[in-house]
Amino acid sequence: MLPVLAMLVVVNVWTILLFAHDKARARAGGRRVPEAHLLRLALVGGTPGALLARRWLRHKSRKQPFSSRLRVIAIGQAALLVLGLLLAARG
């Protein structure tokens, strides 16, 4: 369990840093981080970091379809977490 938690911490910190990097590149007019890359990080566990970065940095908070896709990922992960907790409670 500890390695999984450590991996999630690393993925979420990386996600926040990448959102910050993308925001800085946007301000400077430089090459941006592809949205698909940010969404993949969310998909592998970086959703909390993505949601925090969006709020803290005010970055990609109204961008569509990015926001909708991130919301779908977050809802799916929450549903899987609830399902896992319910199954663990039964067993």
PDB file of N, CA and C in Angstrom:
ATOM      1  N   MET A   1       0.822  -1.200   0.000  1.00  0.00           N
ATOM      2  CA  MET A   1       0.000   0.000   0.000  1.00  0.00           C
ATOM      3  C   MET A   1       0.863   1.261   0.000  1.00  0.00           C
ATOM      4  N   LEU A   2       1.962   1.242   0.733  1.00  0.00           N
ATOM      5  CA  LEU A   2       2.839   2.413   0.805  1.00  0.00           C
ATOM      6  C   LEU A   2       3.428   2.795  -0.553  1.00  0.00           C
ATOM      7  N   PRO A   3       3.874   1.821  -1.371  1.00  0.00           N
ATOM      8  CA  PRO A   3       4.387   2.201  -2.697  1.00  0.00           C
ATOM      9  C   PRO A   3       3.323   2.878  -3.575  1.00  0.00           C
ATOM     10  N   VAL A   4       2.081   2.441  -3.453  1.00  0.00           N
ATOM     11  CA  VAL A   4       0.996   3.049  -4.232  1.00  0.00           C
ATOM     12  C   VAL A   4       0.782   4.486  -3.780  1.00  0.00           C
ATOM     13  N   LEU A   5       0.778   4.721  -2.481  1.00  0.00           N
ATOM     14  CA  LEU A   5       0.606   6.080  -1.967  1.00  0.00           C
ATOM     15  C   LEU A   5       1.767   6.979  -2.378  1.00  0.00           C
ATOM     16  N   ALA A   6       2.976   6.445  -2.333  1.00  0.00           N
ATOM     17  CA  ALA A   6       4.143   7.221  -2.752  1.00  0.00           C
ATOM     18  C   ALA A   6       4.048   7.581  -4.227  1.00  0.00           C
ATOM     19  N   MET A   7       3.605   6.635  -5.057  1.00  0.00           N
ATOM     20  CA  MET A   7       3.435   6.890  -6.483  1.00  0.00           C
ATOM     21  C   MET A   7       2.377   7.970  -6.711  1.00  0.00           C
ATOM     22  N   LEU A   8       1.294   7.930  -5.965  1.00  0.00           N
ATOM     23  CA  LEU A   8       0.243   8.937  -6.113  1.00  0.00           C
ATOM     24  C   LEU A   8       0.732  10.327  -5.718  1.00  0.00           C
ATOM     25  N   VAL A   9       1.545  10.391  -4.671  1.00  0.00           N
ATOM     26  CA  VAL A   9       2.107  11.685  -4.265  1.00  0.00           C
ATOM     27  C   VAL A   9       3.001  12.227  -5.376  1.00  0.00           C
ATOM     28  N   VAL A  10       3.850  11.374  -5.929  1.00  0.00           N
ATOM     29  CA  VAL A  10       4.757  11.802  -6.998  1.00  0.00           C
ATOM     30  C   VAL A  10       3.968  12.267  -8.221  1.00  0.00           C
ATOM     31  N   VAL A  11       2.961  11.504  -8.623  1.00  0.00           N
ATOM     32  CA  VAL A  11       2.155  11.867  -9.797  1.00  0.00           C
ATOM     33  C   VAL A  11       1.446  13.195  -9.567  1.00  0.00           C
ATOM     34  N   ASN A  12       0.921  13.410  -8.380  1.00  0.00           N
ATOM     35  CA  ASN A  12       0.191  14.653  -8.107  1.00  0.00           C
ATOM     36  C   ASN A  12       1.116  15.865  -8.026  1.00  0.00           C
ATOM     37  N   VAL A  13       2.283  15.694  -7.436  1.00  0.00           N
ATOM     38  CA  VAL A  13       3.255  16.804  -7.412  1.00  0.00           C
ATOM     39  C   VAL A  13       3.699  17.120  -8.837  1.00  0.00           C
ATOM     40  N   TRP A  14       3.980  16.091  -9.623  1.00  0.00           N
ATOM     41  CA  TRP A  14       4.388  16.288 -11.018  1.00  0.00           C
ATOM     42  C   TRP A  14       3.278  17.009 -11.799  1.00  0.00           C
ATOM     43  N   THR A  15       2.032  16.625 -11.556  1.00  0.00           N
ATOM     44  CA  THR A  15       0.903  17.251 -12.243  1.00  0.00           C
ATOM     45  C   THR A  15       0.815  18.736 -11.912  1.00  0.00           C
ATOM     46  N   ILE A  16       0.946  19.075 -10.644  1.00  0.00           N
ATOM     47  CA  ILE A  16       0.905  20.485 -10.233  1.00  0.00           C
ATOM     48  C   ILE A  16       2.046  21.261 -10.884  1.00  0.00           C
ATOM     49  N   LEU A  17       3.233  20.682 -10.867  1.00  0.00           N
ATOM     50  CA  LEU A  17       4.390  21.355 -11.473  1.00  0.00           C
ATOM     51  C   LEU A  17       4.207  21.539 -12.977  1.00  0.00           C
ATOM     52  N   LEU A  18       3.623  20.553 -13.632  1.00  0.00           N
ATOM     53  CA  LEU A  18       3.413  20.661 -15.072  1.00  0.00           C
ATOM     54  C   LEU A  18       2.347  21.710 -15.407  1.00  0.00           C
ATOM     55  N   PHE A  19       1.297  21.809 -14.594  1.00  0.00           N
ATOM     56  CA  PHE A  19       0.307  22.872 -14.775  1.00  0.00           C
ATOM     57  C   PHE A  19       0.970  24.235 -14.601  1.00  0.00           C
ATOM     58  N   ALA A  20       1.831  24.366 -13.603  1.00  0.00           N
ATOM     59  CA  ALA A  20       2.527  25.639 -13.372  1.00  0.00           C
ATOM     60  C   ALA A  20       3.448  25.963 -14.548  1.00  0.00           C
ATOM     61  N   HIS A  21       4.137  24.953 -15.052  1.00  0.00           N
ATOM     62  CA  HIS A  21       5.011  25.146 -16.208  1.00  0.00           C
ATOM     63  C   HIS A  21       4.191  25.589 -17.425  1.00  0.00           C
ATOM     64  N   ASP A  22       3.049  24.953 -17.643  1.00  0.00           N
ATOM     65  CA  ASP A  22       2.200  25.302 -18.776  1.00  0.00           C
ATOM     66  C   ASP A  22       1.677  26.733 -18.647  1.00  0.00           C
ATOM     67  N   LYS A  23       1.308  27.122 -17.446  1.00  0.00           N
ATOM     68  CA  LYS A  23       0.835  28.495 -17.228  1.00  0.00           C
ATOM     69  C   LYS A  23       1.954  29.495 -17.530  1.00  0.00           C
ATOM     70  N   ALA A  24       3.157  29.198 -17.070  1.00  0.00           N
ATOM     71  CA  ALA A  24       4.289  30.088 -17.333  1.00  0.00           C
ATOM     72  C   ALA A  24       4.567  30.184 -18.836  1.00  0.00           C
ATOM     73  N   ARG A  25       4.505  29.047 -19.533  1.00  0.00           N
ATOM     74  CA  ARG A  25       4.722  29.049 -20.978  1.00  0.00           C
ATOM     75  C   ARG A  25       3.620  29.822 -21.698  1.00  0.00           C
ATOM     76  N   ALA A  26       2.392  29.727 -21.202  1.00  0.00           N
ATOM     77  CA  ALA A  26       1.282  30.464 -21.812  1.00  0.00           C
ATOM     78  C   ALA A  26       1.506  31.967 -21.676  1.00  0.00           C
ATOM     79  N   ARG A  27       1.935  32.392 -20.508  1.00  0.00           N
ATOM     80  CA  ARG A  27       2.196  33.820 -20.288  1.00  0.00           C
ATOM     81  C   ARG A  27       3.336  34.326 -21.152  1.00  0.00           C
ATOM     82  N   ALA A  28       4.347  33.472 -21.345  1.00  0.00           N
ATOM     83  CA  ALA A  28       5.524  33.874 -22.115  1.00  0.00           C
ATOM     84  C   ALA A  28       5.332  33.692 -23.625  1.00  0.00           C
ATOM     85  N   GLY A  29       4.210  33.089 -24.007  1.00  0.00           N
ATOM     86  CA  GLY A  29       3.966  32.859 -25.425  1.00  0.00           C
ATOM     87  C   GLY A  29       4.788  31.713 -25.994  1.00  0.00           C
ATOM     88  N   GLY A  30       5.227  30.826 -25.120  1.00  0.00           N
ATOM     89  CA  GLY A  30       6.063  29.704 -25.547  1.00  0.00           C
ATOM     90  C   GLY A  30       5.266  28.467 -25.887  1.00  0.00           C
ATOM     91  N   ARG A  31       6.006  27.403 -26.170  1.00  0.00           N
ATOM     92  CA  ARG A  31       5.391  26.122 -26.503  1.00  0.00           C
ATOM     93  C   ARG A  31       4.701  25.550 -25.274  1.00  0.00           C
ATOM     94  N   ARG A  32       3.453  25.118 -25.447  1.00  0.00           N
ATOM     95  CA  ARG A  32       2.623  24.661 -24.347  1.00  0.00           C
ATOM     96  C   ARG A  32       2.718  23.160 -24.124  1.00  0.00           C
ATOM     97  N   VAL A  33       2.314  22.739 -22.931  1.00  0.00           N
ATOM     98  CA  VAL A  33       2.186  21.317 -22.613  1.00  0.00           C
ATOM     99  C   VAL A  33       0.887  20.842 -23.261  1.00  0.00           C
ATOM    100  N   PRO A  34       0.916  19.763 -24.039  1.00  0.00           N
ATOM    101  CA  PRO A  34      -0.327  19.281 -24.659  1.00  0.00           C
ATOM    102  C   PRO A  34      -1.372  18.918 -23.604  1.00  0.00           C
ATOM    103  N   GLU A  35      -2.620  19.305 -23.873  1.00  0.00           N
ATOM    104  CA  GLU A  35      -3.703  18.991 -22.940  1.00  0.00           C
ATOM    105  C   GLU A  35      -3.832  17.489 -22.732  1.00  0.00           C
ATOM    106  N   ALA A  36      -3.581  16.708 -23.777  1.00  0.00           N
ATOM    107  CA  ALA A  36      -3.664  15.253 -23.659  1.00  0.00           C
ATOM    108  C   ALA A  36      -2.686  14.735 -22.607  1.00  0.00           C
ATOM    109  N   HIS A  37      -1.533  15.353 -22.500  1.00  0.00           N
ATOM    110  CA  HIS A  37      -0.536  14.928 -21.503  1.00  0.00           C
ATOM    111  C   HIS A  37      -1.045  15.243 -20.088  1.00  0.00           C
ATOM    112  N   LEU A  38      -1.622  16.414 -19.914  1.00  0.00           N
ATOM    113  CA  LEU A  38      -2.173  16.780 -18.599  1.00  0.00           C
ATOM    114  C   LEU A  38      -3.317  15.840 -18.217  1.00  0.00           C
ATOM    115  N   LEU A  39      -4.154  15.492 -19.175  1.00  0.00           N
ATOM    116  CA  LEU A  39      -5.264  14.578 -18.893  1.00  0.00           C
ATOM    117  C   LEU A  39      -4.777  13.171 -18.598  1.00  0.00           C
ATOM    118  N   ARG A  40      -3.711  12.733 -19.271  1.00  0.00           N
ATOM    119  CA  ARG A  40      -3.151  11.401 -18.969  1.00  0.00           C
ATOM    120  C   ARG A  40      -2.618  11.337 -17.543  1.00  0.00           C
ATOM    121  N   LEU A  41      -1.979  12.423 -17.102  1.00  0.00           N
ATOM    122  CA  LEU A  41      -1.503  12.454 -15.715  1.00  0.00           C
ATOM    123  C   LEU A  41      -2.670  12.349 -14.738  1.00  0.00           C
ATOM    124  N   ALA A  42      -3.760  13.041 -15.042  1.00  0.00           N
ATOM    125  CA  ALA A  42      -4.958  12.939 -14.196  1.00  0.00           C
ATOM    126  C   ALA A  42      -5.473  11.505 -14.198  1.00  0.00           C
ATOM    127  N   LEU A  43      -5.489  10.891 -15.363  1.00  0.00           N
ATOM    128  CA  LEU A  43      -6.021   9.539 -15.493  1.00  0.00           C
ATOM    129  C   LEU A  43      -5.236   8.519 -14.678  1.00  0.00           C
ATOM    130  N   VAL A  44      -3.919   8.704 -14.547  1.00  0.00           N
ATOM    131  CA  VAL A  44      -3.113   7.745 -13.785  1.00  0.00           C
ATOM    132  C   VAL A  44      -3.017   8.095 -12.302  1.00  0.00           C
ATOM    133  N   GLY A  45      -3.853   9.029 -11.847  1.00  0.00           N
ATOM    134  CA  GLY A  45      -3.904   9.323 -10.414  1.00  0.00           C
ATOM    135  C   GLY A  45      -3.629  10.762 -10.043  1.00  0.00           C
ATOM    136  N   GLY A  46      -3.347  11.610 -11.018  1.00  0.00           N
ATOM    137  CA  GLY A  46      -3.025  13.005 -10.731  1.00  0.00           C
ATOM    138  C   GLY A  46      -4.216  13.944 -10.686  1.00  0.00           C
ATOM    139  N   THR A  47      -5.420  13.399 -10.607  1.00  0.00           N
ATOM    140  CA  THR A  47      -6.619  14.240 -10.592  1.00  0.00           C
ATOM    141  C   THR A  47      -6.621  15.236  -9.436  1.00  0.00           C
ATOM    142  N   PRO A  48      -6.326  14.828  -8.200  1.00  0.00           N
ATOM    143  CA  PRO A  48      -6.305  15.837  -7.127  1.00  0.00           C
ATOM    144  C   PRO A  48      -5.314  16.966  -7.413  1.00  0.00           C
ATOM    145  N   GLY A  49      -4.141  16.629  -7.923  1.00  0.00           N
ATOM    146  CA  GLY A  49      -3.159  17.650  -8.268  1.00  0.00           C
ATOM    147  C   GLY A  49      -3.647  18.555  -9.377  1.00  0.00           C
ATOM    148  N   ALA A  50      -4.316  17.984 -10.377  1.00  0.00           N
ATOM    149  CA  ALA A  50      -4.848  18.780 -11.485  1.00  0.00           C
ATOM    150  C   ALA A  50      -5.916  19.748 -10.985  1.00  0.00           C
ATOM    151  N   LEU A  51      -6.806  19.252 -10.134  1.00  0.00           N
ATOM    152  CA  LEU A  51      -7.878  20.113  -9.622  1.00  0.00           C
ATOM    153  C   LEU A  51      -7.319  21.217  -8.717  1.00  0.00           C
ATOM    154  N   LEU A  52      -6.337  20.866  -7.883  1.00  0.00           N
ATOM    155  CA  LEU A  52      -5.708  21.891  -7.037  1.00  0.00           C
ATOM    156  C   LEU A  52      -4.957  22.926  -7.870  1.00  0.00           C
ATOM    157  N   ALA A  53      -4.217  22.470  -8.866  1.00  0.00           N
ATOM    158  CA  ALA A  53      -3.454  23.392  -9.709  1.00  0.00           C
ATOM    159  C   ALA A  53      -4.383  24.339 -10.457  1.00  0.00           C
ATOM    160  N   ARG A  54      -5.494  23.815 -10.949  1.00  0.00           N
ATOM    161  CA  ARG A  54      -6.443  24.685 -11.648  1.00  0.00           C
ATOM    162  C   ARG A  54      -6.954  25.785 -10.726  1.00  0.00           C
ATOM    163  N   ARG A  55      -7.224  25.430  -9.487  1.00  0.00           N
ATOM    164  CA  ARG A  55      -7.739  26.433  -8.546  1.00  0.00           C
ATOM    165  C   ARG A  55      -6.636  27.406  -8.123  1.00  0.00           C
ATOM    166  N   TRP A  56      -5.493  26.885  -7.718  1.00  0.00           N
ATOM    167  CA  TRP A  56      -4.400  27.733  -7.226  1.00  0.00           C
ATOM    168  C   TRP A  56      -3.857  28.656  -8.305  1.00  0.00           C
ATOM    169  N   LEU A  57      -3.692  28.101  -9.499  1.00  0.00           N
ATOM    170  CA  LEU A  57      -3.060  28.853 -10.582  1.00  0.00           C
ATOM    171  C   LEU A  57      -4.061  29.589 -11.474  1.00  0.00           C
ATOM    172  N   ARG A  58      -5.336  29.276 -11.271  1.00  0.00           N
ATOM    173  CA  ARG A  58      -6.389  29.805 -12.162  1.00  0.00           C
ATOM    174  C   ARG A  58      -6.020  29.524 -13.612  1.00  0.00           C
ATOM    175  N   HIS A  59      -5.708  28.272 -13.860  1.00  0.00           N
ATOM    176  CA  HIS A  59      -5.238  27.852 -15.177  1.00  0.00           C
ATOM    177  C   HIS A  59      -6.116  26.731 -15.717  1.00  0.00           C
ATOM    178  N   LYS A  60      -6.581  26.884 -16.937  1.00  0.00           N
ATOM    179  CA  LYS A  60      -7.432  25.908 -17.623  1.00  0.00           C
ATOM    180  C   LYS A  60      -8.738  25.677 -16.881  1.00  0.00           C
ATOM    181  N   SER A  61      -9.197  26.675 -16.153  1.00  0.00           N
ATOM    182  CA  SER A  61     -10.412  26.509 -15.363  1.00  0.00           C
ATOM    183  C   SER A  61     -11.687  26.646 -16.195  1.00  0.00           C
ATOM    184  N   ARG A  62     -11.610  27.316 -17.339  1.00  0.00           N
ATOM    185  CA  ARG A  62     -12.794  27.457 -18.197  1.00  0.00           C
ATOM    186  C   ARG A  62     -12.596  26.844 -19.574  1.00  0.00           C
ATOM    187  N   LYS A  63     -11.448  26.257 -19.785  1.00  0.00           N
ATOM    188  CA  LYS A  63     -11.101  25.710 -21.097  1.00  0.00           C
ATOM    189  C   LYS A  63     -11.927  24.462 -21.401  1.00  0.00           C
ATOM    190  N   GLN A  64     -12.631  24.468 -22.536  1.00  0.00           N
ATOM    191  CA  GLN A  64     -13.394  23.307 -22.974  1.00  0.00           C
ATOM    192  C   GLN A  64     -12.737  22.752 -24.231  1.00  0.00           C
ATOM    193  N   PRO A  65     -12.728  21.468 -24.460  1.00  0.00           N
ATOM    194  CA  PRO A  65     -13.366  20.414 -23.685  1.00  0.00           C
ATOM    195  C   PRO A  65     -12.498  19.890 -22.541  1.00  0.00           C
ATOM    196  N   PHE A  66     -11.362  20.528 -22.263  1.00  0.00           N
ATOM    197  CA  PHE A  66     -10.454  20.075 -21.205  1.00  0.00           C
ATOM    198  C   PHE A  66     -11.187  19.925 -19.874  1.00  0.00           C
ATOM    199  N   SER A  67     -11.948  20.928 -19.476  1.00  0.00           N
ATOM    200  CA  SER A  67     -12.639  20.895 -18.176  1.00  0.00           C
ATOM    201  C   SER A  67     -13.613  19.731 -18.093  1.00  0.00           C
ATOM    202  N   SER A  68     -14.361  19.514 -19.162  1.00  0.00           N
ATOM    203  CA  SER A  68     -15.318  18.404 -19.168  1.00  0.00           C
ATOM    204  C   SER A  68     -14.617  17.062 -19.083  1.00  0.00           C
ATOM    205  N   ARG A  69     -13.537  16.930 -19.797  1.00  0.00           N
ATOM    206  CA  ARG A  69     -12.799  15.660 -19.777  1.00  0.00           C
ATOM    207  C   ARG A  69     -12.180  15.403 -18.408  1.00  0.00           C
ATOM    208  N   LEU A  70     -11.645  16.438 -17.789  1.00  0.00           N
ATOM    209  CA  LEU A  70     -11.088  16.278 -16.449  1.00  0.00           C
ATOM    210  C   LEU A  70     -12.189  15.915 -15.452  1.00  0.00           C
ATOM    211  N   ARG A  71     -13.354  16.522 -15.614  1.00  0.00           N
ATOM    212  CA  ARG A  71     -14.483  16.220 -14.728  1.00  0.00           C
ATOM    213  C   ARG A  71     -14.914  14.753 -14.881  1.00  0.00           C
ATOM    214  N   VAL A  72     -14.965  14.244 -16.111  1.00  0.00           N
ATOM    215  CA  VAL A  72     -15.318  12.839 -16.346  1.00  0.00           C
ATOM    216  C   VAL A  72     -14.307  11.913 -15.681  1.00  0.00           C
ATOM    217  N   ILE A  73     -13.026  12.235 -15.808  1.00  0.00           N
ATOM    218  CA  ILE A  73     -11.985  11.429 -15.163  1.00  0.00           C
ATOM    219  C   ILE A  73     -12.174  11.438 -13.650  1.00  0.00           C
ATOM    220  N   ALA A  74     -12.419  12.612 -13.070  1.00  0.00           N
ATOM    221  CA  ALA A  74     -12.583  12.728 -11.616  1.00  0.00           C
ATOM    222  C   ALA A  74     -13.805  11.942 -11.135  1.00  0.00           C
ATOM    223  N   ILE A  75     -14.904  12.045 -11.850  1.00  0.00           N
ATOM    224  CA  ILE A  75     -16.122  11.317 -11.461  1.00  0.00           C
ATOM    225  C   ILE A  75     -15.899   9.814 -11.565  1.00  0.00           C
ATOM    226  N   GLY A  76     -15.248   9.380 -12.633  1.00  0.00           N
ATOM    227  CA  GLY A  76     -14.957   7.952 -12.788  1.00  0.00           C
ATOM    228  C   GLY A  76     -14.065   7.419 -11.680  1.00  0.00           C
ATOM    229  N   GLN A  77     -13.041   8.190 -11.322  1.00  0.00           N
ATOM    230  CA  GLN A  77     -12.150   7.756 -10.245  1.00  0.00           C
ATOM    231  C   GLN A  77     -12.869   7.745  -8.902  1.00  0.00           C
ATOM    232  N   ALA A  78     -13.727   8.725  -8.670  1.00  0.00           N
ATOM    233  CA  ALA A  78     -14.496   8.748  -7.414  1.00  0.00           C
ATOM    234  C   ALA A  78     -15.430   7.547  -7.342  1.00  0.00           C
ATOM    235  N   ALA A  79     -16.056   7.211  -8.451  1.00  0.00           N
ATOM    236  CA  ALA A  79     -16.954   6.055  -8.481  1.00  0.00           C
ATOM    237  C   ALA A  79     -16.180   4.763  -8.207  1.00  0.00           C
ATOM    238  N   LEU A  80     -14.999   4.642  -8.809  1.00  0.00           N
ATOM    239  CA  LEU A  80     -14.179   3.449  -8.558  1.00  0.00           C
ATOM    240  C   LEU A  80     -13.730   3.370  -7.103  1.00  0.00           C
ATOM    241  N   LEU A  81     -13.409   4.518  -6.511  1.00  0.00           N
ATOM    242  CA  LEU A  81     -13.003   4.542  -5.111  1.00  0.00           C
ATOM    243  C   LEU A  81     -14.160   4.111  -4.206  1.00  0.00           C
ATOM    244  N   VAL A  82     -15.337   4.640  -4.455  1.00  0.00           N
ATOM    245  CA  VAL A  82     -16.515   4.260  -3.657  1.00  0.00           C
ATOM    246  C   VAL A  82     -16.802   2.776  -3.824  1.00  0.00           C
ATOM    247  N   LEU A  83     -16.751   2.289  -5.053  1.00  0.00           N
ATOM    248  CA  LEU A  83     -16.983   0.866  -5.299  1.00  0.00           C
ATOM    249  C   LEU A  83     -15.958   0.016  -4.558  1.00  0.00           C
ATOM    250  N   GLY A  84     -14.696   0.417  -4.614  1.00  0.00           N
ATOM    251  CA  GLY A  84     -13.657  -0.326  -3.896  1.00  0.00           C
ATOM    252  C   GLY A  84     -13.874  -0.341  -2.401  1.00  0.00           C
ATOM    253  N   LEU A  85     -14.294   0.794  -1.848  1.00  0.00           N
ATOM    254  CA  LEU A  85     -14.566   0.872  -0.407  1.00  0.00           C
ATOM    255  C   LEU A  85     -15.749  -0.002  -0.032  1.00  0.00           C
ATOM    256  N   LEU A  86     -16.785   0.003  -0.853  1.00  0.00           N
ATOM    257  CA  LEU A  86     -17.955  -0.837  -0.578  1.00  0.00           C
ATOM    258  C   LEU A  86     -17.598  -2.324  -0.647  1.00  0.00           C
ATOM    259  N   LEU A  87     -16.809  -2.700  -1.641  1.00  0.00           N
ATOM    260  CA  LEU A  87     -16.401  -4.104  -1.749  1.00  0.00           C
ATOM    261  C   LEU A  87     -15.497  -4.511  -0.592  1.00  0.00           C
ATOM    262  N   ALA A  88     -14.629  -3.610  -0.163  1.00  0.00           N
ATOM    263  CA  ALA A  88     -13.739  -3.915   0.969  1.00  0.00           C
ATOM    264  C   ALA A  88     -14.550  -4.069   2.254  1.00  0.00           C
ATOM    265  N   ALA A  89     -15.591  -3.267   2.404  1.00  0.00           N
ATOM    266  CA  ALA A  89     -16.423  -3.333   3.612  1.00  0.00           C
ATOM    267  C   ALA A  89     -17.221  -4.646   3.651  1.00  0.00           C
ATOM    268  N   ARG A  90     -17.561  -5.181   2.497  1.00  0.00           N
ATOM    269  CA  ARG A  90     -18.326  -6.425   2.431  1.00  0.00           C
ATOM    270  C   ARG A  90     -17.455  -7.638   2.741  1.00  0.00           C
ATOM    271  N   GLY A  91     -16.164  -7.538   2.363  1.00  0.00           N
ATOM    272  CA  GLY A  91     -15.296  -8.705   2.452  1.00  0.00           C
ATOM    273  C   GLY A  91     -14.648  -8.846   3.760  1.00  0.00           C
TER     274      GLY A  91
END
